[in-house]
C-alpha atoms as a PDB file:
ATOM      1  CA  MET A   1     -19.734   5.225 -12.662  1.00  0.00           C
ATOM      2  CA  ALA A   2     -22.405   4.282 -14.658  1.00  0.00           C
ATOM      3  CA  GLY A   3     -21.452   3.498 -18.599  1.00  0.00           C
ATOM      4  CA  GLY A   4     -17.466   2.355 -16.996  1.00  0.00           C
ATOM      5  CA  PHE A   5     -14.681   4.698 -18.045  1.00  0.00           C
ATOM      6  CA  ILE A   6     -11.186   4.677 -20.107  1.00  0.00           C
ATOM      7  CA  ALA A   7      -9.536   6.856 -17.481  1.00  0.00           C
ATOM      8  CA  PHE A   8      -9.762   9.001 -13.894  1.00  0.00           C
ATOM      9  CA  GLN A   9      -7.685  12.071 -14.482  1.00  0.00           C
ATOM     10  CA  VAL A  10      -5.776  13.412 -11.844  1.00  0.00           C
ATOM     11  CA  ALA A  11      -7.115  17.031 -10.457  1.00  0.00           C
ATOM     12  CA  ASP A  12      -5.349  17.008  -7.661  1.00  0.00           C
ATOM     13  CA  ALA A  13      -3.084  15.863  -4.652  1.00  0.00           C
ATOM     14  CA  GLU A  14      -4.321  12.338  -2.654  1.00  0.00           C
ATOM     15  CA  ALA A  15      -5.445  13.262   0.827  1.00  0.00           C
ATOM     16  CA  GLN A  16      -7.114  11.292   3.946  1.00  0.00           C
ATOM     17  CA  CYS A  17     -10.175  11.441   4.214  1.00  0.00           C
ATOM     18  CA  PRO A  18     -11.803  14.098   6.640  1.00  0.00           C
ATOM     19  CA  THR A  19     -13.409  12.131   9.864  1.00  0.00           C
ATOM     20  CA  THR A  20     -16.040  14.604  10.561  1.00  0.00           C
ATOM     21  CA  VAL A  21     -19.008  16.128   8.194  1.00  0.00           C
ATOM     22  CA  GLU A  22     -17.517  19.703   9.220  1.00  0.00           C
ATOM     23  CA  THR A  23     -15.038  18.546   7.815  1.00  0.00           C
ATOM     24  CA  ALA A  24     -16.150  17.593   5.347  1.00  0.00           C
ATOM     25  CA  SER A  25     -14.047  18.052   1.706  1.00  0.00           C
ATOM     26  CA  HIS A  26     -14.791  18.332  -1.413  1.00  0.00           C
ATOM     27  CA  PHE A  27     -11.567  17.486  -2.862  1.00  0.00           C
ATOM     28  CA  GLY A  28     -11.044  19.836  -6.022  1.00  0.00           C
ATOM     29  CA  GLU A  29     -13.495  22.207  -5.952  1.00  0.00           C
ATOM     30  CA  ARG A  30     -13.883  22.231  -9.756  1.00  0.00           C
ATOM     31  CA  THR A  31     -13.577  18.092  -9.779  1.00  0.00           C
ATOM     32  CA  HIS A  32     -16.858  15.738 -10.933  1.00  0.00           C
ATOM     33  CA  ALA A  33     -15.606  13.002  -9.689  1.00  0.00           C
ATOM     34  CA  VAL A  34     -13.474  11.423  -6.380  1.00  0.00           C
ATOM     35  CA  ARG A  35     -11.749   8.108  -7.013  1.00  0.00           C
ATOM     36  CA  PHE A  36     -11.379   6.239  -3.335  1.00  0.00           C
ATOM     37  CA  HIS A  37      -9.006   3.658  -1.696  1.00  0.00           C
ATOM     38  CA  ASN A  38      -9.344   2.372   1.764  1.00  0.00           C
ATOM     39  CA  ASP A  39      -5.860   1.566   3.116  1.00  0.00           C
ATOM     40  CA  GLY A  40      -7.679   0.735   6.606  1.00  0.00           C
ATOM     41  CA  ALA A  41      -8.327  -3.518   7.483  1.00  0.00           C
ATOM     42  CA  ASN A  42     -12.142  -2.587   8.762  1.00  0.00           C
ATOM     43  CA  THR A  43     -14.366  -1.672   6.298  1.00  0.00           C
ATOM     44  CA  ALA A  44     -14.818   2.420   5.757  1.00  0.00           C
ATOM     45  CA  THR A  45     -18.142   4.296   5.226  1.00  0.00           C
ATOM     46  CA  ILE A  46     -17.829   7.089   3.393  1.00  0.00           C
ATOM     47  CA  TYR A  47     -20.795   9.743   3.532  1.00  0.00           C
ATOM     48  CA  TYR A  48     -21.754  12.404   1.098  1.00  0.00           C
ATOM     49  CA  VAL A  49     -23.182  15.902   1.924  1.00  0.00           C
ATOM     50  CA  ASN A  50     -23.555  18.779   0.362  1.00  0.00           C
ATOM     51  CA  SER A  51     -22.620  22.634   0.779  1.00  0.00           C
ATOM     52  CA  GLU A  52     -24.729  23.035   3.867  1.00  0.00           C
ATOM     53  CA  PHE A  53     -23.545  19.998   4.960  1.00  0.00           C
ATOM     54  CA  GLY A  54     -26.550  18.182   4.236  1.00  0.00           C
ATOM     55  CA  ALA A  55     -26.924  14.239   3.855  1.00  0.00           C
ATOM     56  CA  ILE A  56     -27.165  12.979   0.539  1.00  0.00           C
ATOM     57  CA  GLY A  57     -26.130   9.534   0.494  1.00  0.00           C
ATOM     58  CA  ASN A  58     -23.205   6.829   1.477  1.00  0.00           C
ATOM     59  CA  CYS A  59     -21.571   3.675   1.035  1.00  0.00           C
ATOM     60  CA  ARG A  60     -18.751   0.859   2.244  1.00  0.00           C
ATOM     61  CA  ILE A  61     -15.932   0.712   0.758  1.00  0.00           C
ATOM     62  CA  ALA A  62     -13.558  -2.652   1.650  1.00  0.00           C
ATOM     63  CA  PRO A  63     -10.022  -2.966   3.042  1.00  0.00           C
ATOM     64  CA  GLY A  64      -7.936  -2.724  -0.046  1.00  0.00           C
ATOM     65  CA  GLU A  65     -10.839  -1.641  -1.954  1.00  0.00           C
ATOM     66  CA  THR A  66     -11.421   1.489  -4.170  1.00  0.00           C
ATOM     67  CA  GLN A  67     -14.273   2.401  -5.567  1.00  0.00           C
ATOM     68  CA  TYR A  68     -14.862   6.210  -8.456  1.00  0.00           C
ATOM     69  CA  LEU A  69     -18.070   7.911  -7.248  1.00  0.00           C
ATOM     70  CA  SER A  70     -19.268  11.535  -9.540  1.00  0.00           C
ATOM     71  CA  LYS A  71     -20.463  14.255  -7.252  1.00  0.00           C
ATOM     72  CA  ARG A  72     -23.732  15.788  -8.762  1.00  0.00           C
ATOM     73  CA  ARG A  73     -22.484  19.678  -7.948  1.00  0.00           C
ATOM     74  CA  ILE A  74     -18.582  20.396  -7.612  1.00  0.00           C
ATOM     75  CA  PHE A  75     -19.131  22.195  -5.116  1.00  0.00           C
ATOM     76  CA  HIS A  76     -20.815  18.792  -3.629  1.00  0.00           C
ATOM     77  CA  ARG A  77     -18.134  16.661  -0.085  1.00  0.00           C
ATOM     78  CA  PHE A  78     -17.477  14.159   0.667  1.00  0.00           C
ATOM     79  CA  TRP A  79     -16.156  12.071   4.748  1.00  0.00           C
ATOM     80  CA  SER A  80     -14.699   8.363   5.969  1.00  0.00           C
ATOM     81  CA  SER A  81     -15.778   6.946   9.153  1.00  0.00           C
ATOM     82  CA  SER A  82     -12.166   5.916   8.792  1.00  0.00           C
ATOM     83  CA  ALA A  83      -9.000   7.723   8.429  1.00  0.00           C
ATOM     84  CA  ASP A  84      -7.807   5.209   6.166  1.00  0.00           C
ATOM     85  CA  VAL A  85      -9.581   6.266   3.785  1.00  0.00           C
ATOM     86  CA  TRP A  86      -8.256   8.381   1.467  1.00  0.00           C
ATOM     87  CA  GLY A  87      -9.480  10.075  -1.534  1.00  0.00           C
ATOM     88  CA  VAL A  88      -8.286  12.536  -4.622  1.00  0.00           C
ATOM     89  CA  GLY A  89     -10.212  14.565  -7.207  1.00  0.00           C
ATOM     90  CA  GLY A  90     -10.507  14.408 -10.672  1.00  0.00           C
ATOM     91  CA  TYR A  91     -12.262  13.562 -13.944  1.00  0.00           C
ATOM     92  CA  CYS A  92     -13.662  10.385 -15.195  1.00  0.00           C
ATOM     93  CA  MET A  93     -12.309  10.048 -19.043  1.00  0.00           C
ATOM     94  CA  ARG A  94     -14.454   7.501 -20.701  1.00  0.00           C
END
């Protein structure tokens, strides 16, 4: 996230990332960011979609890597190419 942050406040339970666009998750209805972690042995892709499941963008996450992605709108959703990717919604504290 641009500008960095001091802490990430968890606001929901960690869950496996859905693996289809139809099941994409917002990882907390009111959260503004999501912490992702890849527990797998392979690089995965995280996909970012709007409320109608239209593509906004994507990024890759390496094995063992943790990434924090912000949502432009709280109702936007994410899904992954691998069930080894876990996510938890929350807030970045500056």
